[in-house]
């Protein structure tokens, strides 16, 4: 009996050893698997960061923007963050008006031209890659002491063509209207005159070279009126309603405030893909970070077409 029992025990032990052998390798514990996964994830993250740093390090050179002064604020804000991302790029923004942009890009003195209007036919748009980076409202401004707060489109056209010359005719104080505008190179002027259909018909008291000059002139003259980028309006001047509609981003988007224009950037045809610095610039401008900067400058960001 003892021999039978011993035999049975031996058989059970043999079967147990066989089952262990058939089960294959011992499976790793849950904590071991998680540790391996964590290590692989960490290695992938390091590799990705290393790749991004390598790409950033490869972008270097000079990036010169020139043209519209209305675009100074947004271009410089974008440029500051762009050079933080690409420290080996030397960024510069200049120019005295939109008309300078196409000329500078064509002759190679700038890589990117800034226009606060569309590219004109006579500027050979087919020679350029063209990007609308934002939409900007044009504000019609007066001195804060002026009691007038709303003008019709017809009133504005008549003021700028010399048909209305006294604020008293518009419900304001008795005083000759000082009609302030921008110089002929200005995209703001081109946009303003096109919107009100008064091209070649304006009678200006002064034609100034920059947005800041218009603000200074109107803020120091109780009878002054001018036009500037909506994003440039400050407490020194008052933006008028036009046809009863306030100049706001919301009203530009919904179409009720019609006095708006595009902010355009151009480069030579194909350079937005072939030139690493220019490509990196437009990739950044249309990124979520770039769009946020555009919004901070009180402009309406656009999608890349």
C-alpha atoms as a PDB file:
ATOM      1  CA  UNK A   1       0.000   0.000   0.000  1.00  0.00           C
ATOM      2  CA  UNK A   2       2.830   2.315   0.889  1.00  0.00           C
ATOM      3  CA  UNK A   3       4.443   1.550  -2.492  1.00  0.00           C
ATOM      4  CA  UNK A   4       1.211   2.444  -4.326  1.00  0.00           C
ATOM      5  CA  UNK A   5       0.896   5.710  -2.435  1.00  0.00           C
ATOM      6  CA  UNK A   6       4.529   6.595  -3.199  1.00  0.00           C
ATOM      7  CA  UNK A   7       3.976   5.860  -6.857  1.00  0.00           C
ATOM      8  CA  UNK A   8       0.898   8.065  -7.000  1.00  0.00           C
ATOM      9  CA  UNK A   9       2.812  10.914  -5.337  1.00  0.00           C
ATOM     10  CA  UNK A  10       5.662  10.570  -7.825  1.00  0.00           C
ATOM     11  CA  UNK A  11       3.193  10.666 -10.715  1.00  0.00           C
ATOM     12  CA  UNK A  12       1.565  13.827  -9.384  1.00  0.00           C
ATOM     13  CA  UNK A  13       4.960  15.527  -9.025  1.00  0.00           C
ATOM     14  CA  UNK A  14       5.924  14.569 -12.577  1.00  0.00           C
ATOM     15  CA  UNK A  15       2.681  15.902 -13.979  1.00  0.00           C
ATOM     16  CA  UNK A  16       3.160  19.169 -12.059  1.00  0.00           C
ATOM     17  CA  UNK A  17       6.644  19.640 -13.506  1.00  0.00           C
ATOM     18  CA  UNK A  18       5.300  18.929 -16.987  1.00  0.00           C
ATOM     19  CA  UNK A  19       2.583  21.574 -16.642  1.00  0.00           C
ATOM     20  CA  UNK A  20       5.101  24.179 -15.531  1.00  0.00           C
ATOM     21  CA  UNK A  21       7.232  23.346 -18.560  1.00  0.00           C
ATOM     22  CA  UNK A  22       4.278  23.687 -20.939  1.00  0.00           C
ATOM     23  CA  UNK A  23       3.270  27.039 -19.499  1.00  0.00           C
ATOM     24  CA  UNK A  24       6.304  28.728 -21.117  1.00  0.00           C
ATOM     25  CA  UNK A  25       8.184  31.643 -19.597  1.00  0.00           C
ATOM     26  CA  UNK A  26       7.091  33.290 -16.414  1.00  0.00           C
ATOM     27  CA  UNK A  27       4.995  36.402 -17.237  1.00  0.00           C
ATOM     28  CA  UNK A  28       6.311  39.719 -15.956  1.00  0.00           C
ATOM     29  CA  UNK A  29       4.435  41.356 -13.152  1.00  0.00           C
ATOM     30  CA  UNK A  30       2.087  44.328 -13.773  1.00  0.00           C
ATOM     31  CA  UNK A  31       4.524  46.737 -12.145  1.00  0.00           C
ATOM     32  CA  UNK A  32       7.324  45.437 -14.381  1.00  0.00           C
ATOM     33  CA  UNK A  33       5.220  46.029 -17.537  1.00  0.00           C
ATOM     34  CA  UNK A  34       4.278  49.537 -16.404  1.00  0.00           C
ATOM     35  CA  UNK A  35       7.921  50.344 -15.721  1.00  0.00           C
ATOM     36  CA  UNK A  36       8.936  49.187 -19.191  1.00  0.00           C
ATOM     37  CA  UNK A  37       6.094  51.220 -20.783  1.00  0.00           C
ATOM     38  CA  UNK A  38       7.072  54.290 -18.764  1.00  0.00           C
ATOM     39  CA  UNK A  39      10.689  53.959 -19.860  1.00  0.00           C
ATOM     40  CA  UNK A  40       9.711  53.626 -23.515  1.00  0.00           C
ATOM     41  CA  UNK A  41       7.380  56.668 -23.230  1.00  0.00           C
ATOM     42  CA  UNK A  42      10.136  58.703 -21.593  1.00  0.00           C
ATOM     43  CA  UNK A  43      12.620  57.709 -24.292  1.00  0.00           C
ATOM     44  CA  UNK A  44      10.105  58.670 -27.013  1.00  0.00           C
ATOM     45  CA  UNK A  45       9.488  62.051 -25.353  1.00  0.00           C
ATOM     46  CA  UNK A  46      13.225  62.749 -25.112  1.00  0.00           C
ATOM     47  CA  UNK A  47      13.657  61.751 -28.761  1.00  0.00           C
ATOM     48  CA  UNK A  48      10.813  64.061 -29.815  1.00  0.00           C
ATOM     49  CA  UNK A  49      12.222  66.992 -27.844  1.00  0.00           C
ATOM     50  CA  UNK A  50      15.667  66.297 -29.280  1.00  0.00           C
ATOM     51  CA  UNK A  51      14.199  66.313 -32.794  1.00  0.00           C
ATOM     52  CA  UNK A  52      12.407  69.618 -32.194  1.00  0.00           C
ATOM     53  CA  UNK A  53      15.565  71.198 -30.762  1.00  0.00           C
ATOM     54  CA  UNK A  54      17.505  69.956 -33.783  1.00  0.00           C
ATOM     55  CA  UNK A  55      14.965  71.504 -36.175  1.00  0.00           C
ATOM     56  CA  UNK A  56      15.058  74.801 -34.247  1.00  0.00           C
ATOM     57  CA  UNK A  57      18.848  74.819 -34.315  1.00  0.00           C
ATOM     58  CA  UNK A  58      18.783  74.386 -38.092  1.00  0.00           C
ATOM     59  CA  UNK A  59      16.812  77.653 -38.591  1.00  0.00           C
ATOM     60  CA  UNK A  60      19.128  80.649 -38.741  1.00  0.00           C
ATOM     61  CA  UNK A  61      19.669  83.793 -40.768  1.00  0.00           C
ATOM     62  CA  UNK A  62      18.080  87.185 -41.249  1.00  0.00           C
ATOM     63  CA  UNK A  63      14.373  87.968 -41.547  1.00  0.00           C
ATOM     64  CA  UNK A  64      13.450  91.492 -42.644  1.00  0.00           C
ATOM     65  CA  UNK A  65       9.842  92.680 -42.870  1.00  0.00           C
ATOM     66  CA  UNK A  66       8.956  96.050 -44.393  1.00  0.00           C
ATOM     67  CA  UNK A  67       5.867  97.980 -45.447  1.00  0.00           C
ATOM     68  CA  UNK A  68       2.711  98.950 -43.572  1.00  0.00           C
ATOM     69  CA  UNK A  69       3.168 100.895 -40.328  1.00  0.00           C
ATOM     70  CA  UNK A  70      -0.311  99.782 -39.224  1.00  0.00           C
ATOM     71  CA  UNK A  71       1.150  96.286 -38.960  1.00  0.00           C
ATOM     72  CA  UNK A  72       4.082  97.307 -36.740  1.00  0.00           C
ATOM     73  CA  UNK A  73       2.510  96.172 -33.475  1.00  0.00           C
ATOM     74  CA  UNK A  74       1.423  92.717 -34.602  1.00  0.00           C
ATOM     75  CA  UNK A  75       4.607  92.059 -36.604  1.00  0.00           C
ATOM     76  CA  UNK A  76       6.865  93.041 -33.711  1.00  0.00           C
ATOM     77  CA  UNK A  77       4.799  90.980 -31.252  1.00  0.00           C
ATOM     78  CA  UNK A  78       5.037  87.954 -33.546  1.00  0.00           C
ATOM     79  CA  UNK A  79       8.719  88.644 -34.151  1.00  0.00           C
ATOM     80  CA  UNK A  80       9.516  88.686 -30.436  1.00  0.00           C
ATOM     81  CA  UNK A  81       8.055  85.226 -29.872  1.00  0.00           C
ATOM     82  CA  UNK A  82       9.436  83.904 -33.161  1.00  0.00           C
ATOM     83  CA  UNK A  83      13.009  84.831 -32.233  1.00  0.00           C
ATOM     84  CA  UNK A  84      12.508  83.300 -28.785  1.00  0.00           C
ATOM     85  CA  UNK A  85      11.682  80.065 -30.609  1.00  0.00           C
ATOM     86  CA  UNK A  86      14.450  80.552 -33.198  1.00  0.00           C
ATOM     87  CA  UNK A  87      17.213  82.513 -31.409  1.00  0.00           C
ATOM     88  CA  UNK A  88      19.593  82.266 -34.379  1.00  0.00           C
ATOM     89  CA  UNK A  89      17.258  84.350 -36.575  1.00  0.00           C
ATOM     90  CA  UNK A  90      17.862  88.111 -36.714  1.00  0.00           C
ATOM     91  CA  UNK A  91      14.451  89.787 -37.011  1.00  0.00           C
ATOM     92  CA  UNK A  92      13.772  93.348 -38.185  1.00  0.00           C
ATOM     93  CA  UNK A  93      10.523  95.182 -38.977  1.00  0.00           C
ATOM     94  CA  UNK A  94      10.598  98.491 -40.852  1.00  0.00           C
ATOM     95  CA  UNK A  95       8.838 100.425 -43.569  1.00  0.00           C
ATOM     96  CA  UNK A  96       6.797 103.564 -44.043  1.00  0.00           C
ATOM     97  CA  UNK A  97       3.758 102.254 -45.912  1.00  0.00           C
ATOM     98  CA  UNK A  98       2.211  99.313 -47.750  1.00  0.00           C
ATOM     99  CA  UNK A  99       3.544 100.439 -51.129  1.00  0.00           C
ATOM    100  CA  UNK A 100       7.064  99.792 -49.926  1.00  0.00           C
ATOM    101  CA  UNK A 101       6.396  96.075 -49.347  1.00  0.00           C
ATOM    102  CA  UNK A 102       6.229  94.723 -52.932  1.00  0.00           C
ATOM    103  CA  UNK A 103       9.158  96.879 -54.043  1.00  0.00           C
ATOM    104  CA  UNK A 104      11.403  95.765 -51.173  1.00  0.00           C
ATOM    105  CA  UNK A 105      10.593  92.071 -51.671  1.00  0.00           C
ATOM    106  CA  UNK A 106      11.187  92.332 -55.424  1.00  0.00           C
ATOM    107  CA  UNK A 107      14.570  94.025 -55.077  1.00  0.00           C
ATOM    108  CA  UNK A 108      15.659  91.733 -52.244  1.00  0.00           C
ATOM    109  CA  UNK A 109      15.972  94.317 -49.461  1.00  0.00           C
ATOM    110  CA  UNK A 110      13.271  92.477 -47.484  1.00  0.00           C
ATOM    111  CA  UNK A 111      12.151  88.854 -47.380  1.00  0.00           C
ATOM    112  CA  UNK A 112       8.568  89.711 -46.425  1.00  0.00           C
ATOM    113  CA  UNK A 113       6.411  92.689 -47.404  1.00  0.00           C
ATOM    114  CA  UNK A 114       3.616  93.982 -45.145  1.00  0.00           C
ATOM    115  CA  UNK A 115       0.485  95.441 -46.750  1.00  0.00           C
ATOM    116  CA  UNK A 116      -2.641  96.625 -44.952  1.00  0.00           C
ATOM    117  CA  UNK A 117      -4.564  96.094 -48.178  1.00  0.00           C
ATOM    118  CA  UNK A 118      -4.683  93.671 -51.091  1.00  0.00           C
ATOM    119  CA  UNK A 119      -1.804  93.537 -53.569  1.00  0.00           C
ATOM    120  CA  UNK A 120      -2.592  95.759 -56.559  1.00  0.00           C
ATOM    121  CA  UNK A 121      -2.501  94.521 -60.140  1.00  0.00           C
ATOM    122  CA  UNK A 122       0.300  96.927 -60.982  1.00  0.00           C
ATOM    123  CA  UNK A 123       2.380  95.371 -58.173  1.00  0.00           C
ATOM    124  CA  UNK A 124       2.462  92.045 -60.061  1.00  0.00           C
ATOM    125  CA  UNK A 125       0.745  89.773 -57.507  1.00  0.00           C
ATOM    126  CA  UNK A 126       1.650  86.675 -59.557  1.00  0.00           C
ATOM    127  CA  UNK A 127       5.277  87.213 -58.525  1.00  0.00           C
ATOM    128  CA  UNK A 128       4.496  86.588 -54.851  1.00  0.00           C
ATOM    129  CA  UNK A 129       3.201  84.083 -52.340  1.00  0.00           C
ATOM    130  CA  UNK A 130       0.401  86.031 -50.642  1.00  0.00           C
ATOM    131  CA  UNK A 131      -0.921  85.440 -47.119  1.00  0.00           C
ATOM    132  CA  UNK A 132      -3.703  87.215 -45.240  1.00  0.00           C
ATOM    133  CA  UNK A 133      -2.560  86.924 -41.634  1.00  0.00           C
ATOM    134  CA  UNK A 134      -5.344  88.976 -40.005  1.00  0.00           C
ATOM    135  CA  UNK A 135      -8.381  91.167 -40.550  1.00  0.00           C
ATOM    136  CA  UNK A 136      -8.281  94.690 -39.143  1.00  0.00           C
ATOM    137  CA  UNK A 137     -10.995  97.271 -38.715  1.00  0.00           C
ATOM    138  CA  UNK A 138     -10.374 100.870 -39.727  1.00  0.00           C
ATOM    139  CA  UNK A 139     -11.542 103.255 -37.029  1.00  0.00           C
ATOM    140  CA  UNK A 140     -12.687 106.784 -37.845  1.00  0.00           C
ATOM    141  CA  UNK A 141     -11.370 108.845 -34.943  1.00  0.00           C
ATOM    142  CA  UNK A 142     -11.987 112.292 -33.459  1.00  0.00           C
ATOM    143  CA  UNK A 143     -10.778 114.194 -30.443  1.00  0.00           C
ATOM    144  CA  UNK A 144     -12.343 112.929 -27.179  1.00  0.00           C
ATOM    145  CA  UNK A 145     -13.771 116.428 -26.567  1.00  0.00           C
ATOM    146  CA  UNK A 146     -15.806 116.265 -29.790  1.00  0.00           C
ATOM    147  CA  UNK A 147     -19.495 115.633 -28.902  1.00  0.00           C
ATOM    148  CA  UNK A 148     -20.122 113.824 -32.216  1.00  0.00           C
ATOM    149  CA  UNK A 149     -20.108 110.056 -31.685  1.00  0.00           C
ATOM    150  CA  UNK A 150     -21.791 108.655 -34.814  1.00  0.00           C
ATOM    151  CA  UNK A 151     -21.501 109.466 -38.519  1.00  0.00           C
ATOM    152  CA  UNK A 152     -23.091 107.926 -41.581  1.00  0.00           C
ATOM    153  CA  UNK A 153     -20.939 106.620 -44.419  1.00  0.00           C
ATOM    154  CA  UNK A 154     -22.286 109.478 -46.518  1.00  0.00           C
ATOM    155  CA  UNK A 155     -21.246 112.025 -43.877  1.00  0.00           C
ATOM    156  CA  UNK A 156     -17.711 110.631 -43.773  1.00  0.00           C
ATOM    157  CA  UNK A 157     -17.399 110.701 -47.562  1.00  0.00           C
ATOM    158  CA  UNK A 158     -18.627 114.307 -47.659  1.00  0.00           C
ATOM    159  CA  UNK A 159     -16.162 115.359 -44.946  1.00  0.00           C
ATOM    160  CA  UNK A 160     -13.218 113.854 -46.804  1.00  0.00           C
ATOM    161  CA  UNK A 161     -14.232 115.299 -50.177  1.00  0.00           C
ATOM    162  CA  UNK A 162     -14.749 118.771 -48.741  1.00  0.00           C
ATOM    163  CA  UNK A 163     -18.547 118.931 -49.040  1.00  0.00           C
ATOM    164  CA  UNK A 164     -18.993 119.205 -45.265  1.00  0.00           C
ATOM    165  CA  UNK A 165     -16.461 121.481 -43.595  1.00  0.00           C
ATOM    166  CA  UNK A 166     -17.935 122.407 -40.196  1.00  0.00           C
ATOM    167  CA  UNK A 167     -18.767 120.172 -37.247  1.00  0.00           C
ATOM    168  CA  UNK A 168     -21.885 122.255 -36.572  1.00  0.00           C
ATOM    169  CA  UNK A 169     -23.446 120.730 -39.710  1.00  0.00           C
ATOM    170  CA  UNK A 170     -23.158 117.316 -38.036  1.00  0.00           C
ATOM    171  CA  UNK A 171     -24.503 118.223 -34.606  1.00  0.00           C
ATOM    172  CA  UNK A 172     -21.142 119.189 -33.171  1.00  0.00           C
ATOM    173  CA  UNK A 173     -19.541 122.422 -32.053  1.00  0.00           C
ATOM    174  CA  UNK A 174     -18.941 125.258 -34.480  1.00  0.00           C
ATOM    175  CA  UNK A 175     -15.496 124.679 -35.914  1.00  0.00           C
ATOM    176  CA  UNK A 176     -13.761 123.994 -39.211  1.00  0.00           C
ATOM    177  CA  UNK A 177     -13.042 120.285 -39.615  1.00  0.00           C
ATOM    178  CA  UNK A 178      -9.359 119.364 -39.817  1.00  0.00           C
ATOM    179  CA  UNK A 179      -9.293 116.456 -42.274  1.00  0.00           C
ATOM    180  CA  UNK A 180      -6.335 114.224 -41.417  1.00  0.00           C
ATOM    181  CA  UNK A 181      -5.234 111.375 -43.664  1.00  0.00           C
ATOM    182  CA  UNK A 182      -2.275 109.180 -44.466  1.00  0.00           C
ATOM    183  CA  UNK A 183       0.232 109.601 -47.281  1.00  0.00           C
ATOM    184  CA  UNK A 184      -0.189 107.963 -50.683  1.00  0.00           C
ATOM    185  CA  UNK A 185       1.922 104.899 -49.709  1.00  0.00           C
ATOM    186  CA  UNK A 186      -0.428 103.969 -46.883  1.00  0.00           C
ATOM    187  CA  UNK A 187      -2.518 100.823 -47.068  1.00  0.00           C
ATOM    188  CA  UNK A 188      -4.859 102.303 -44.472  1.00  0.00           C
ATOM    189  CA  UNK A 189      -5.534 105.220 -46.795  1.00  0.00           C
ATOM    190  CA  UNK A 190      -6.067 102.910 -49.745  1.00  0.00           C
ATOM    191  CA  UNK A 191      -8.509 100.800 -47.752  1.00  0.00           C
ATOM    192  CA  UNK A 192     -10.363 103.772 -46.309  1.00  0.00           C
ATOM    193  CA  UNK A 193     -10.777 105.579 -49.630  1.00  0.00           C
ATOM    194  CA  UNK A 194     -11.835 102.373 -51.388  1.00  0.00           C
ATOM    195  CA  UNK A 195     -14.476 101.552 -48.770  1.00  0.00           C
ATOM    196  CA  UNK A 196     -16.027 105.020 -48.979  1.00  0.00           C
ATOM    197  CA  UNK A 197     -15.519 105.245 -52.748  1.00  0.00           C
ATOM    198  CA  UNK A 198     -13.616 108.531 -52.559  1.00  0.00           C
ATOM    199  CA  UNK A 199     -10.344 107.633 -54.277  1.00  0.00           C
ATOM    200  CA  UNK A 200      -8.670 110.602 -55.952  1.00  0.00           C
ATOM    201  CA  UNK A 201     -11.342 112.875 -54.480  1.00  0.00           C
ATOM    202  CA  UNK A 202     -10.137 113.591 -50.946  1.00  0.00           C
ATOM    203  CA  UNK A 203      -9.300 117.071 -49.712  1.00  0.00           C
ATOM    204  CA  UNK A 204      -6.850 116.665 -46.838  1.00  0.00           C
ATOM    205  CA  UNK A 205      -5.711 119.239 -44.316  1.00  0.00           C
ATOM    206  CA  UNK A 206      -2.664 117.034 -43.699  1.00  0.00           C
ATOM    207  CA  UNK A 207      -1.298 113.767 -45.085  1.00  0.00           C
ATOM    208  CA  UNK A 208       0.805 112.008 -42.466  1.00  0.00           C
ATOM    209  CA  UNK A 209       3.349 109.218 -42.716  1.00  0.00           C
ATOM    210  CA  UNK A 210       2.415 106.933 -39.831  1.00  0.00           C
ATOM    211  CA  UNK A 211      -0.470 105.772 -37.656  1.00  0.00           C
ATOM    212  CA  UNK A 212       1.068 107.364 -34.571  1.00  0.00           C
ATOM    213  CA  UNK A 213       1.257 110.733 -36.312  1.00  0.00           C
ATOM    214  CA  UNK A 214      -2.495 110.621 -37.037  1.00  0.00           C
ATOM    215  CA  UNK A 215      -3.266 109.816 -33.393  1.00  0.00           C
ATOM    216  CA  UNK A 216      -1.029 112.655 -32.185  1.00  0.00           C
ATOM    217  CA  UNK A 217      -2.606 115.145 -34.593  1.00  0.00           C
ATOM    218  CA  UNK A 218      -6.232 114.270 -33.794  1.00  0.00           C
ATOM    219  CA  UNK A 219      -5.619 114.029 -30.040  1.00  0.00           C
ATOM    220  CA  UNK A 220      -4.230 117.582 -30.020  1.00  0.00           C
ATOM    221  CA  UNK A 221      -6.916 119.125 -32.276  1.00  0.00           C
ATOM    222  CA  UNK A 222     -10.555 119.348 -31.046  1.00  0.00           C
ATOM    223  CA  UNK A 223     -11.687 119.724 -34.666  1.00  0.00           C
ATOM    224  CA  UNK A 224      -9.607 116.912 -36.092  1.00  0.00           C
ATOM    225  CA  UNK A 225     -10.826 113.727 -37.756  1.00  0.00           C
ATOM    226  CA  UNK A 226      -8.690 110.846 -39.005  1.00  0.00           C
ATOM    227  CA  UNK A 227      -8.597 107.117 -39.688  1.00  0.00           C
ATOM    228  CA  UNK A 228      -6.354 104.464 -38.159  1.00  0.00           C
ATOM    229  CA  UNK A 229      -6.167 100.734 -37.528  1.00  0.00           C
ATOM    230  CA  UNK A 230      -8.806  99.709 -34.998  1.00  0.00           C
ATOM    231  CA  UNK A 231      -6.116  97.942 -33.008  1.00  0.00           C
ATOM    232  CA  UNK A 232      -4.253 101.246 -32.606  1.00  0.00           C
ATOM    233  CA  UNK A 233      -7.122 103.149 -30.958  1.00  0.00           C
ATOM    234  CA  UNK A 234      -6.211 104.374 -27.478  1.00  0.00           C
ATOM    235  CA  UNK A 235      -7.583 106.724 -24.814  1.00  0.00           C
ATOM    236  CA  UNK A 236      -6.159 109.783 -26.576  1.00  0.00           C
ATOM    237  CA  UNK A 237      -8.751 109.554 -29.366  1.00  0.00           C
ATOM    238  CA  UNK A 238     -12.392 108.481 -29.780  1.00  0.00           C
ATOM    239  CA  UNK A 239     -13.548 105.943 -32.347  1.00  0.00           C
ATOM    240  CA  UNK A 240     -16.844 106.935 -33.983  1.00  0.00           C
ATOM    241  CA  UNK A 241     -19.739 104.646 -34.748  1.00  0.00           C
ATOM    242  CA  UNK A 242     -20.327 104.338 -38.483  1.00  0.00           C
ATOM    243  CA  UNK A 243     -23.957 104.087 -39.593  1.00  0.00           C
ATOM    244  CA  UNK A 244     -24.860 103.463 -35.964  1.00  0.00           C
ATOM    245  CA  UNK A 245     -22.503 100.491 -35.592  1.00  0.00           C
ATOM    246  CA  UNK A 246     -19.658 100.447 -33.077  1.00  0.00           C
ATOM    247  CA  UNK A 247     -16.176  99.542 -34.308  1.00  0.00           C
ATOM    248  CA  UNK A 248     -15.522  96.182 -32.620  1.00  0.00           C
ATOM    249  CA  UNK A 249     -14.072  92.821 -33.645  1.00  0.00           C
ATOM    250  CA  UNK A 250     -17.445  91.190 -33.077  1.00  0.00           C
ATOM    251  CA  UNK A 251     -19.158  93.611 -35.449  1.00  0.00           C
ATOM    252  CA  UNK A 252     -16.449  93.120 -38.077  1.00  0.00           C
ATOM    253  CA  UNK A 253     -16.884  89.339 -37.899  1.00  0.00           C
ATOM    254  CA  UNK A 254     -20.682  89.511 -38.127  1.00  0.00           C
ATOM    255  CA  UNK A 255     -20.448  91.988 -41.001  1.00  0.00           C
ATOM    256  CA  UNK A 256     -22.322  94.884 -39.439  1.00  0.00           C
ATOM    257  CA  UNK A 257     -19.217  97.104 -39.267  1.00  0.00           C
ATOM    258  CA  UNK A 258     -18.016  97.291 -42.844  1.00  0.00           C
ATOM    259  CA  UNK A 259     -14.934  99.503 -42.481  1.00  0.00           C
ATOM    260  CA  UNK A 260     -12.288  96.766 -42.430  1.00  0.00           C
ATOM    261  CA  UNK A 261      -9.323  95.555 -44.471  1.00  0.00           C
ATOM    262  CA  UNK A 262      -6.868  92.632 -44.623  1.00  0.00           C
ATOM    263  CA  UNK A 263      -3.385  92.525 -43.141  1.00  0.00           C
ATOM    264  CA  UNK A 264      -1.340  90.862 -45.891  1.00  0.00           C
ATOM    265  CA  UNK A 265       2.211  89.512 -46.015  1.00  0.00           C
ATOM    266  CA  UNK A 266       4.022  88.578 -49.208  1.00  0.00           C
ATOM    267  CA  UNK A 267       7.270  86.877 -50.193  1.00  0.00           C
ATOM    268  CA  UNK A 268       8.754  85.895 -53.524  1.00  0.00           C
ATOM    269  CA  UNK A 269       6.905  83.082 -55.310  1.00  0.00           C
ATOM    270  CA  UNK A 270       7.823  79.726 -53.801  1.00  0.00           C
ATOM    271  CA  UNK A 271       9.937  81.154 -50.981  1.00  0.00           C
ATOM    272  CA  UNK A 272       7.343  80.260 -48.350  1.00  0.00           C
ATOM    273  CA  UNK A 273       8.299  76.617 -48.935  1.00  0.00           C
ATOM    274  CA  UNK A 274      11.878  76.762 -50.218  1.00  0.00           C
ATOM    275  CA  UNK A 275      13.340  79.256 -47.719  1.00  0.00           C
ATOM    276  CA  UNK A 276      13.593  77.647 -44.237  1.00  0.00           C
ATOM    277  CA  UNK A 277      13.340  80.961 -42.344  1.00  0.00           C
ATOM    278  CA  UNK A 278      10.332  82.232 -44.298  1.00  0.00           C
ATOM    279  CA  UNK A 279       8.614  78.850 -44.047  1.00  0.00           C
ATOM    280  CA  UNK A 280       9.194  78.785 -40.294  1.00  0.00           C
ATOM    281  CA  UNK A 281       7.749  82.309 -40.027  1.00  0.00           C
ATOM    282  CA  UNK A 282       4.460  81.502 -41.731  1.00  0.00           C
ATOM    283  CA  UNK A 283       4.181  78.176 -39.909  1.00  0.00           C
ATOM    284  CA  UNK A 284       4.484  80.140 -36.663  1.00  0.00           C
ATOM    285  CA  UNK A 285       2.085  82.930 -37.695  1.00  0.00           C
ATOM    286  CA  UNK A 286      -0.672  80.403 -38.422  1.00  0.00           C
ATOM    287  CA  UNK A 287       0.032  78.261 -35.347  1.00  0.00           C
ATOM    288  CA  UNK A 288      -2.232  78.470 -32.293  1.00  0.00           C
ATOM    289  CA  UNK A 289       0.454  80.518 -30.545  1.00  0.00           C
ATOM    290  CA  UNK A 290       0.676  82.899 -33.496  1.00  0.00           C
ATOM    291  CA  UNK A 291      -3.087  83.333 -33.692  1.00  0.00           C
ATOM    292  CA  UNK A 292      -3.209  84.106 -29.974  1.00  0.00           C
ATOM    293  CA  UNK A 293      -0.668  86.897 -30.496  1.00  0.00           C
ATOM    294  CA  UNK A 294      -2.764  88.289 -33.371  1.00  0.00           C
ATOM    295  CA  UNK A 295      -5.800  88.367 -31.078  1.00  0.00           C
ATOM    296  CA  UNK A 296      -3.801  90.068 -28.315  1.00  0.00           C
ATOM    297  CA  UNK A 297      -3.093  92.847 -30.835  1.00  0.00           C
ATOM    298  CA  UNK A 298      -6.880  93.342 -31.217  1.00  0.00           C
ATOM    299  CA  UNK A 299      -6.952  91.799 -34.669  1.00  0.00           C
ATOM    300  CA  UNK A 300      -8.956  88.910 -36.104  1.00  0.00           C
ATOM    301  CA  UNK A 301      -6.743  85.898 -36.954  1.00  0.00           C
ATOM    302  CA  UNK A 302      -7.301  83.977 -40.182  1.00  0.00           C
ATOM    303  CA  UNK A 303      -6.786  80.418 -41.394  1.00  0.00           C
ATOM    304  CA  UNK A 304      -4.002  79.595 -43.835  1.00  0.00           C
ATOM    305  CA  UNK A 305      -5.341  79.095 -47.351  1.00  0.00           C
END
